[in-house]
Amino acid sequence: MDALCGAKLLIAEAEELLADGAVFSETLPDKEETSHPGGVTEIIRSQIRPGMEEAYRLWTRRTQEAQARFEGFRGVHIIAPTPGSGSSEWTTLLRFDSEGNLDRWRHSPERSALLEEAREVIQKTEATRLKSPFPGWTPIDPNTGASPPRWKTGLLVLVGLYPLVMINLRYVRPLFGSLDSTLVTLMLNILTVAATTYVTMPFLVGRFSWWLMLDRTEGDPRKSMTNTTWRGLGIIVGILLVEASIFWISHV
């Protein structure tokens, strides 16, 4: 709660700093989490004032230099608007190794000073923090940044990943004969990740959205183990058993 209150105070300060019609708004997670296995990502969308593109580039360069001095900084990726699109929105993907380290940057005097500089450059900024360990594979609430519980996402990934791995090992690997195992493993991993990203996860998320986002739709994370949650879990376990049985029988 202290971190959340501190962030709200920072937002209030930023709104004063970005005066003259500029708007600064941020969406924070509804629960504190100290770290993520793959780090934490914040998506920042900024509307730039007309004619201030070069000034914004210089400002982002100074911002990146400041961020790099903070513990846990993992990098930043800035996406400019498509030429000719007429859009003035720039997108920044900011990564830290944990929410704690990201919050230390967010609450820092260095960031406050940079926000003050930005009031003549940025018209509007919206930031959303991703809490999912599988960004891009599962849906993210654009208003809250909330994602499905990690254990649910992990089980769904397992349902789609297990048959892909078995097919690769049982049927695809022999096609490469005596080719070096290092190269074969790389190619099989590429095939597996591609199939998971574009085939199995979109299919499974579409059919298990009622189960994945249950905690969010109910509005009370303390009631995660409802009848619907248990029903979805039973279906997942049943699918895994069927998959294992098919590969077991086919191998006999």
C-alpha atoms as a PDB file:
ATOM      1  CA  MET A   1       0.000   0.000   0.000  1.00  0.00           C
ATOM      2  CA  ASP A   2       2.894   2.390   0.742  1.00  0.00           C
ATOM      3  CA  ALA A   3       4.290   1.943  -2.766  1.00  0.00           C
ATOM      4  CA  LEU A   4       0.860   2.513  -4.279  1.00  0.00           C
ATOM      5  CA  CYS A   5       0.274   5.654  -2.230  1.00  0.00           C
ATOM      6  CA  GLY A   6       3.712   6.933  -3.157  1.00  0.00           C
ATOM      7  CA  ALA A   7       2.998   6.340  -6.829  1.00  0.00           C
ATOM      8  CA  LYS A   8      -0.292   8.246  -6.560  1.00  0.00           C
ATOM      9  CA  LEU A   9       1.551  11.170  -4.983  1.00  0.00           C
ATOM     10  CA  LEU A  10       4.050  11.086  -7.851  1.00  0.00           C
ATOM     11  CA  ILE A  11       1.196  11.161 -10.368  1.00  0.00           C
ATOM     12  CA  ALA A  12      -0.281  14.196  -8.615  1.00  0.00           C
ATOM     13  CA  GLU A  13       3.095  15.928  -8.734  1.00  0.00           C
ATOM     14  CA  ALA A  14       3.515  15.070 -12.408  1.00  0.00           C
ATOM     15  CA  GLU A  15       0.106  16.515 -13.257  1.00  0.00           C
ATOM     16  CA  GLU A  16       1.226  19.821 -11.775  1.00  0.00           C
ATOM     17  CA  LEU A  17       4.540  19.644 -13.611  1.00  0.00           C
ATOM     18  CA  LEU A  18       2.909  18.929 -16.960  1.00  0.00           C
ATOM     19  CA  ALA A  19       0.744  22.004 -16.904  1.00  0.00           C
ATOM     20  CA  ASP A  20      -0.652  24.071 -19.750  1.00  0.00           C
ATOM     21  CA  GLY A  21      -3.047  21.410 -20.942  1.00  0.00           C
ATOM     22  CA  ALA A  22      -0.629  18.467 -20.706  1.00  0.00           C
ATOM     23  CA  VAL A  23      -1.977  15.304 -19.100  1.00  0.00           C
ATOM     24  CA  PHE A  24       0.001  12.640 -17.305  1.00  0.00           C
ATOM     25  CA  SER A  25      -1.764   9.454 -16.261  1.00  0.00           C
ATOM     26  CA  GLU A  26      -0.493   6.054 -15.186  1.00  0.00           C
ATOM     27  CA  THR A  27      -2.135   2.684 -14.572  1.00  0.00           C
ATOM     28  CA  LEU A  28      -0.625   0.679 -11.729  1.00  0.00           C
ATOM     29  CA  PRO A  29      -1.163  -2.965 -10.724  1.00  0.00           C
ATOM     30  CA  ASP A  30      -3.787  -3.528  -8.067  1.00  0.00           C
ATOM     31  CA  LYS A  31      -1.444  -5.707  -6.004  1.00  0.00           C
ATOM     32  CA  GLU A  32       2.153  -5.320  -4.909  1.00  0.00           C
ATOM     33  CA  GLU A  33       4.617  -7.818  -6.316  1.00  0.00           C
ATOM     34  CA  THR A  34       8.321  -7.516  -5.649  1.00  0.00           C
ATOM     35  CA  SER A  35       9.735  -9.378  -8.629  1.00  0.00           C
ATOM     36  CA  HIS A  36       9.039 -11.385 -11.749  1.00  0.00           C
ATOM     37  CA  PRO A  37      11.087 -14.274 -13.139  1.00  0.00           C
ATOM     38  CA  GLY A  38      11.458 -12.468 -16.451  1.00  0.00           C
ATOM     39  CA  GLY A  39      11.494  -8.917 -15.081  1.00  0.00           C
ATOM     40  CA  VAL A  40       8.767  -6.302 -15.316  1.00  0.00           C
ATOM     41  CA  THR A  41       7.820  -4.233 -18.351  1.00  0.00           C
ATOM     42  CA  GLU A  42       6.091  -0.861 -18.450  1.00  0.00           C
ATOM     43  CA  ILE A  43       4.487   0.331 -21.685  1.00  0.00           C
ATOM     44  CA  ILE A  44       4.512   4.125 -21.979  1.00  0.00           C
ATOM     45  CA  ARG A  45       2.485   5.844 -24.737  1.00  0.00           C
ATOM     46  CA  SER A  46       3.322   9.520 -25.245  1.00  0.00           C
ATOM     47  CA  GLN A  47       1.526  12.081 -27.388  1.00  0.00           C
ATOM     48  CA  ILE A  48       4.148  14.583 -28.568  1.00  0.00           C
ATOM     49  CA  ARG A  49       3.329  18.235 -29.187  1.00  0.00           C
ATOM     50  CA  PRO A  50       3.517  19.261 -32.872  1.00  0.00           C
ATOM     51  CA  GLY A  51       7.030  20.142 -34.005  1.00  0.00           C
ATOM     52  CA  MET A  52       8.651  18.795 -30.820  1.00  0.00           C
ATOM     53  CA  GLU A  53       9.857  15.446 -32.202  1.00  0.00           C
ATOM     54  CA  GLU A  54      13.560  16.304 -32.105  1.00  0.00           C
ATOM     55  CA  ALA A  55      13.243  17.754 -28.612  1.00  0.00           C
ATOM     56  CA  TYR A  56      11.515  14.534 -27.538  1.00  0.00           C
ATOM     57  CA  ARG A  57      14.375  12.442 -28.964  1.00  0.00           C
ATOM     58  CA  LEU A  58      16.891  14.440 -26.964  1.00  0.00           C
ATOM     59  CA  TRP A  59      14.733  14.183 -23.847  1.00  0.00           C
ATOM     60  CA  THR A  60      14.419  10.399 -24.172  1.00  0.00           C
ATOM     61  CA  ARG A  61      18.197  10.130 -24.572  1.00  0.00           C
ATOM     62  CA  ARG A  62      18.733  11.947 -21.260  1.00  0.00           C
ATOM     63  CA  THR A  63      16.003   9.826 -19.667  1.00  0.00           C
ATOM     64  CA  GLN A  64      17.655   6.595 -20.788  1.00  0.00           C
ATOM     65  CA  GLU A  65      20.998   7.742 -19.404  1.00  0.00           C
ATOM     66  CA  ALA A  66      19.333   8.415 -16.058  1.00  0.00           C
ATOM     67  CA  GLN A  67      17.483   5.087 -16.047  1.00  0.00           C
ATOM     68  CA  ALA A  68      20.669   3.162 -16.809  1.00  0.00           C
ATOM     69  CA  ARG A  69      22.191   4.376 -13.540  1.00  0.00           C
ATOM     70  CA  PHE A  70      19.458   2.684 -11.498  1.00  0.00           C
ATOM     71  CA  GLU A  71      19.788  -0.846 -10.160  1.00  0.00           C
ATOM     72  CA  GLY A  72      17.875  -3.483 -12.085  1.00  0.00           C
ATOM     73  CA  PHE A  73      17.587  -1.550 -15.347  1.00  0.00           C
ATOM     74  CA  ARG A  74      17.321  -4.026 -18.228  1.00  0.00           C
ATOM     75  CA  GLY A  75      16.790  -1.768 -21.189  1.00  0.00           C
ATOM     76  CA  VAL A  76      14.352   0.395 -23.076  1.00  0.00           C
ATOM     77  CA  HIS A  77      12.884   0.181 -26.563  1.00  0.00           C
ATOM     78  CA  ILE A  78      11.315   3.227 -28.208  1.00  0.00           C
ATOM     79  CA  ILE A  79       8.932   2.894 -31.158  1.00  0.00           C
ATOM     80  CA  ALA A  80       8.338   6.001 -33.268  1.00  0.00           C
ATOM     81  CA  PRO A  81       5.006   6.553 -35.046  1.00  0.00           C
ATOM     82  CA  THR A  82       4.764   5.220 -38.586  1.00  0.00           C
ATOM     83  CA  PRO A  83       5.802   7.886 -41.118  1.00  0.00           C
ATOM     84  CA  GLY A  84       2.810   9.298 -42.946  1.00  0.00           C
ATOM     85  CA  SER A  85       0.316   7.909 -40.422  1.00  0.00           C
ATOM     86  CA  GLY A  86      -0.427  11.310 -38.948  1.00  0.00           C
ATOM     87  CA  SER A  87       0.023   9.905 -35.450  1.00  0.00           C
ATOM     88  CA  SER A  88       2.055  11.730 -32.805  1.00  0.00           C
ATOM     89  CA  GLU A  89       2.164   8.777 -30.392  1.00  0.00           C
ATOM     90  CA  TRP A  90       5.519   7.314 -29.401  1.00  0.00           C
ATOM     91  CA  THR A  91       5.644   4.000 -27.520  1.00  0.00           C
ATOM     92  CA  THR A  92       8.332   3.136 -24.968  1.00  0.00           C
ATOM     93  CA  LEU A  93       8.910  -0.333 -23.501  1.00  0.00           C
ATOM     94  CA  LEU A  94      10.808   0.070 -20.224  1.00  0.00           C
ATOM     95  CA  ARG A  95      12.186  -3.038 -18.502  1.00  0.00           C
ATOM     96  CA  PHE A  96      13.518  -3.562 -14.978  1.00  0.00           C
ATOM     97  CA  ASP A  97      14.362  -6.786 -13.176  1.00  0.00           C
ATOM     98  CA  SER A  98      11.747  -6.213 -10.449  1.00  0.00           C
ATOM     99  CA  GLU A  99       8.838  -3.960  -9.550  1.00  0.00           C
ATOM    100  CA  GLY A 100      10.777  -2.684  -6.542  1.00  0.00           C
ATOM    101  CA  ASN A 101      13.635  -1.395  -8.682  1.00  0.00           C
ATOM    102  CA  LEU A 102      11.226   0.035 -11.250  1.00  0.00           C
ATOM    103  CA  ASP A 103       9.363   1.880  -8.483  1.00  0.00           C
ATOM    104  CA  ARG A 104      12.635   3.291  -7.164  1.00  0.00           C
ATOM    105  CA  TRP A 105      13.190   4.865 -10.574  1.00  0.00           C
ATOM    106  CA  ARG A 106       9.589   6.067 -10.758  1.00  0.00           C
ATOM    107  CA  HIS A 107       9.806   7.772  -7.356  1.00  0.00           C
ATOM    108  CA  SER A 108      13.265   9.240  -7.880  1.00  0.00           C
ATOM    109  CA  PRO A 109      14.125  12.977  -7.956  1.00  0.00           C
ATOM    110  CA  GLU A 110      15.838  12.363 -11.306  1.00  0.00           C
ATOM    111  CA  ARG A 111      12.589  11.247 -12.880  1.00  0.00           C
ATOM    112  CA  SER A 112      10.675  14.155 -11.359  1.00  0.00           C
ATOM    113  CA  ALA A 113      13.165  16.598 -12.861  1.00  0.00           C
ATOM    114  CA  LEU A 114      12.857  14.958 -16.270  1.00  0.00           C
ATOM    115  CA  LEU A 115       9.060  15.159 -16.079  1.00  0.00           C
ATOM    116  CA  GLU A 116       9.345  18.867 -15.415  1.00  0.00           C
ATOM    117  CA  GLU A 117      11.473  19.255 -18.545  1.00  0.00           C
ATOM    118  CA  ALA A 118       8.912  17.275 -20.557  1.00  0.00           C
ATOM    119  CA  ARG A 119       5.989  19.632 -19.997  1.00  0.00           C
ATOM    120  CA  GLU A 120       6.847  21.625 -23.128  1.00  0.00           C
ATOM    121  CA  VAL A 121       7.343  18.480 -25.215  1.00  0.00           C
ATOM    122  CA  ILE A 122       4.791  15.863 -24.172  1.00  0.00           C
ATOM    123  CA  GLN A 123       1.080  16.594 -24.387  1.00  0.00           C
ATOM    124  CA  LYS A 124      -0.187  13.354 -22.868  1.00  0.00           C
ATOM    125  CA  THR A 125       1.373  10.212 -21.407  1.00  0.00           C
ATOM    126  CA  GLU A 126      -0.228   6.930 -20.379  1.00  0.00           C
ATOM    127  CA  ALA A 127       1.721   4.105 -18.756  1.00  0.00           C
ATOM    128  CA  THR A 128       0.648   0.511 -18.164  1.00  0.00           C
ATOM    129  CA  ARG A 129       2.696  -2.043 -16.276  1.00  0.00           C
ATOM    130  CA  LEU A 130       2.627  -5.610 -17.510  1.00  0.00           C
ATOM    131  CA  LYS A 131       2.339  -8.186 -14.749  1.00  0.00           C
ATOM    132  CA  SER A 132       2.252 -11.257 -16.957  1.00  0.00           C
ATOM    133  CA  PRO A 133       5.294 -13.597 -17.209  1.00  0.00           C
ATOM    134  CA  PHE A 134       4.058 -14.436 -20.729  1.00  0.00           C
ATOM    135  CA  PRO A 135       3.417 -11.049 -22.321  1.00  0.00           C
ATOM    136  CA  GLY A 136       1.802 -11.468 -25.747  1.00  0.00           C
ATOM    137  CA  TRP A 137       0.532 -14.983 -25.008  1.00  0.00           C
ATOM    138  CA  THR A 138      -2.257 -14.088 -22.583  1.00  0.00           C
ATOM    139  CA  PRO A 139      -4.655 -11.113 -22.496  1.00  0.00           C
ATOM    140  CA  ILE A 140      -3.780  -7.987 -20.522  1.00  0.00           C
ATOM    141  CA  ASP A 141      -6.416  -5.604 -19.203  1.00  0.00           C
ATOM    142  CA  PRO A 142      -5.522  -2.276 -20.883  1.00  0.00           C
ATOM    143  CA  ASN A 143      -7.075  -0.315 -18.023  1.00  0.00           C
ATOM    144  CA  THR A 144      -5.474  -2.062 -15.046  1.00  0.00           C
ATOM    145  CA  GLY A 145      -2.497  -3.947 -16.484  1.00  0.00           C
ATOM    146  CA  ALA A 146      -3.891  -7.062 -14.786  1.00  0.00           C
ATOM    147  CA  SER A 147      -3.159 -10.453 -16.275  1.00  0.00           C
ATOM    148  CA  PRO A 148      -4.314 -14.002 -15.479  1.00  0.00           C
ATOM    149  CA  PRO A 149      -2.759 -15.690 -12.427  1.00  0.00           C
ATOM    150  CA  ARG A 150       0.643 -17.077 -13.342  1.00  0.00           C
ATOM    151  CA  TRP A 151      -0.259 -20.627 -12.348  1.00  0.00           C
ATOM    152  CA  LYS A 152      -3.209 -20.606 -14.753  1.00  0.00           C
ATOM    153  CA  THR A 153      -1.125 -19.216 -17.597  1.00  0.00           C
ATOM    154  CA  GLY A 154       1.613 -21.768 -16.877  1.00  0.00           C
ATOM    155  CA  LEU A 155      -0.847 -24.667 -17.025  1.00  0.00           C
ATOM    156  CA  LEU A 156      -2.303 -23.425 -20.299  1.00  0.00           C
ATOM    157  CA  VAL A 157       1.183 -23.104 -21.795  1.00  0.00           C
ATOM    158  CA  LEU A 158       1.899 -26.670 -20.631  1.00  0.00           C
ATOM    159  CA  VAL A 159      -1.241 -27.980 -22.369  1.00  0.00           C
ATOM    160  CA  GLY A 160      -0.109 -26.486 -25.681  1.00  0.00           C
ATOM    161  CA  LEU A 161       3.610 -27.077 -25.255  1.00  0.00           C
ATOM    162  CA  TYR A 162       3.626 -30.745 -24.245  1.00  0.00           C
ATOM    163  CA  PRO A 163       2.242 -32.169 -27.515  1.00  0.00           C
ATOM    164  CA  LEU A 164       4.514 -29.897 -29.559  1.00  0.00           C
ATOM    165  CA  VAL A 165       7.590 -31.123 -27.704  1.00  0.00           C
ATOM    166  CA  MET A 166       6.524 -34.763 -28.055  1.00  0.00           C
ATOM    167  CA  ILE A 167       5.841 -34.383 -31.785  1.00  0.00           C
ATOM    168  CA  ASN A 168       9.216 -32.751 -32.298  1.00  0.00           C
ATOM    169  CA  LEU A 169      11.078 -35.423 -30.337  1.00  0.00           C
ATOM    170  CA  ARG A 170       9.140 -38.386 -31.692  1.00  0.00           C
ATOM    171  CA  TYR A 171       8.592 -37.462 -35.329  1.00  0.00           C
ATOM    172  CA  VAL A 172      10.533 -34.349 -36.387  1.00  0.00           C
ATOM    173  CA  ARG A 173      13.923 -35.018 -34.768  1.00  0.00           C
ATOM    174  CA  PRO A 174      14.539 -38.281 -36.686  1.00  0.00           C
ATOM    175  CA  LEU A 175      14.142 -36.408 -39.987  1.00  0.00           C
ATOM    176  CA  PHE A 176      17.453 -34.621 -39.368  1.00  0.00           C
ATOM    177  CA  GLY A 177      19.425 -37.868 -39.109  1.00  0.00           C
ATOM    178  CA  SER A 178      22.975 -37.391 -37.817  1.00  0.00           C
ATOM    179  CA  LEU A 179      22.909 -33.586 -37.979  1.00  0.00           C
ATOM    180  CA  ASP A 180      24.615 -31.972 -34.984  1.00  0.00           C
ATOM    181  CA  SER A 181      22.282 -31.960 -31.967  1.00  0.00           C
ATOM    182  CA  THR A 182      23.062 -28.304 -31.153  1.00  0.00           C
ATOM    183  CA  LEU A 183      21.712 -27.112 -34.490  1.00  0.00           C
ATOM    184  CA  VAL A 184      18.762 -29.513 -34.422  1.00  0.00           C
ATOM    185  CA  THR A 185      17.772 -28.396 -30.919  1.00  0.00           C
ATOM    186  CA  LEU A 186      17.836 -24.771 -32.032  1.00  0.00           C
ATOM    187  CA  MET A 187      15.607 -25.484 -35.044  1.00  0.00           C
ATOM    188  CA  LEU A 188      13.173 -27.533 -32.950  1.00  0.00           C
ATOM    189  CA  ASN A 189      12.965 -24.762 -30.364  1.00  0.00           C
ATOM    190  CA  ILE A 190      12.252 -22.223 -33.094  1.00  0.00           C
ATOM    191  CA  LEU A 191       9.437 -24.416 -34.418  1.00  0.00           C
ATOM    192  CA  THR A 192       8.052 -24.978 -30.916  1.00  0.00           C
ATOM    193  CA  VAL A 193       8.061 -21.307 -29.913  1.00  0.00           C
ATOM    194  CA  ALA A 194       6.507 -20.264 -33.240  1.00  0.00           C
ATOM    195  CA  ALA A 195       3.756 -22.879 -32.959  1.00  0.00           C
ATOM    196  CA  THR A 196       3.086 -21.900 -29.333  1.00  0.00           C
ATOM    197  CA  THR A 197       2.909 -18.199 -30.194  1.00  0.00           C
ATOM    198  CA  TYR A 198       0.774 -18.410 -33.325  1.00  0.00           C
ATOM    199  CA  VAL A 199      -1.204 -21.646 -32.978  1.00  0.00           C
ATOM    200  CA  THR A 200      -1.645 -23.298 -29.578  1.00  0.00           C
ATOM    201  CA  MET A 201      -1.795 -20.288 -27.247  1.00  0.00           C
ATOM    202  CA  PRO A 202      -4.246 -18.219 -29.347  1.00  0.00           C
ATOM    203  CA  PHE A 203      -6.436 -21.338 -29.652  1.00  0.00           C
ATOM    204  CA  LEU A 204      -6.306 -22.195 -25.937  1.00  0.00           C
ATOM    205  CA  VAL A 205      -6.696 -18.615 -24.696  1.00  0.00           C
ATOM    206  CA  GLY A 206      -9.779 -18.205 -26.843  1.00  0.00           C
ATOM    207  CA  ARG A 207     -11.389 -21.292 -25.318  1.00  0.00           C
ATOM    208  CA  PHE A 208     -10.270 -20.810 -21.728  1.00  0.00           C
ATOM    209  CA  SER A 209     -10.754 -17.044 -21.371  1.00  0.00           C
ATOM    210  CA  TRP A 210     -13.675 -17.754 -18.997  1.00  0.00           C
ATOM    211  CA  TRP A 211     -11.190 -19.520 -16.715  1.00  0.00           C
ATOM    212  CA  LEU A 212      -8.066 -17.411 -17.218  1.00  0.00           C
ATOM    213  CA  MET A 213      -9.654 -14.073 -16.308  1.00  0.00           C
ATOM    214  CA  LEU A 214     -11.995 -15.403 -13.628  1.00  0.00           C
ATOM    215  CA  ASP A 215     -10.249 -13.662 -10.730  1.00  0.00           C
ATOM    216  CA  ARG A 216     -10.370 -10.306 -12.485  1.00  0.00           C
ATOM    217  CA  THR A 217     -14.010 -10.533 -13.540  1.00  0.00           C
ATOM    218  CA  GLU A 218     -15.128 -11.579 -10.084  1.00  0.00           C
ATOM    219  CA  GLY A 219     -13.344  -8.569  -8.651  1.00  0.00           C
ATOM    220  CA  ASP A 220     -12.055 -10.369  -5.555  1.00  0.00           C
ATOM    221  CA  PRO A 221      -8.675 -12.160  -5.854  1.00  0.00           C
ATOM    222  CA  ARG A 222      -9.253 -13.844  -2.488  1.00  0.00           C
ATOM    223  CA  LYS A 223     -11.998 -15.959  -4.064  1.00  0.00           C
ATOM    224  CA  SER A 224      -9.810 -17.551  -6.711  1.00  0.00           C
ATOM    225  CA  MET A 225     -10.735 -21.135  -5.848  1.00  0.00           C
ATOM    226  CA  THR A 226     -14.374 -20.959  -6.923  1.00  0.00           C
ATOM    227  CA  ASN A 227     -16.317 -23.807  -8.477  1.00  0.00           C
ATOM    228  CA  THR A 228     -15.560 -22.409 -11.924  1.00  0.00           C
ATOM    229  CA  THR A 229     -11.835 -22.318 -11.153  1.00  0.00           C
ATOM    230  CA  TRP A 230     -11.887 -25.935 -10.008  1.00  0.00           C
ATOM    231  CA  ARG A 231     -13.912 -26.934 -13.078  1.00  0.00           C
ATOM    232  CA  GLY A 232     -11.363 -25.314 -15.378  1.00  0.00           C
ATOM    233  CA  LEU A 233      -8.517 -26.954 -13.481  1.00  0.00           C
ATOM    234  CA  GLY A 234     -10.196 -30.339 -13.849  1.00  0.00           C
ATOM    235  CA  ILE A 235     -10.548 -29.831 -17.605  1.00  0.00           C
ATOM    236  CA  ILE A 236      -6.876 -28.853 -17.895  1.00  0.00           C
ATOM    237  CA  VAL A 237      -5.733 -31.931 -15.965  1.00  0.00           C
ATOM    238  CA  GLY A 238      -8.037 -34.106 -18.073  1.00  0.00           C
ATOM    239  CA  ILE A 239      -6.564 -32.738 -21.314  1.00  0.00           C
ATOM    240  CA  LEU A 240      -3.016 -33.357 -20.067  1.00  0.00           C
ATOM    241  CA  LEU A 241      -3.908 -36.959 -19.177  1.00  0.00           C
ATOM    242  CA  VAL A 242      -5.456 -37.507 -22.606  1.00  0.00           C
ATOM    243  CA  GLU A 243      -2.381 -36.073 -24.324  1.00  0.00           C
ATOM    244  CA  ALA A 244      -0.054 -38.260 -22.286  1.00  0.00           C
ATOM    245  CA  SER A 245      -2.211 -41.345 -22.971  1.00  0.00           C
ATOM    246  CA  ILE A 246      -2.173 -40.742 -26.729  1.00  0.00           C
ATOM    247  CA  PHE A 247       1.623 -40.517 -26.860  1.00  0.00           C
ATOM    248  CA  TRP A 248       1.988 -43.464 -24.479  1.00  0.00           C
ATOM    249  CA  ILE A 249      -0.268 -45.718 -26.570  1.00  0.00           C
ATOM    250  CA  SER A 250       1.303 -44.625 -29.861  1.00  0.00           C
ATOM    251  CA  HIS A 251       4.747 -45.528 -28.532  1.00  0.00           C
ATOM    252  CA  VAL A 252       3.801 -49.043 -27.448  1.00  0.00           C
END
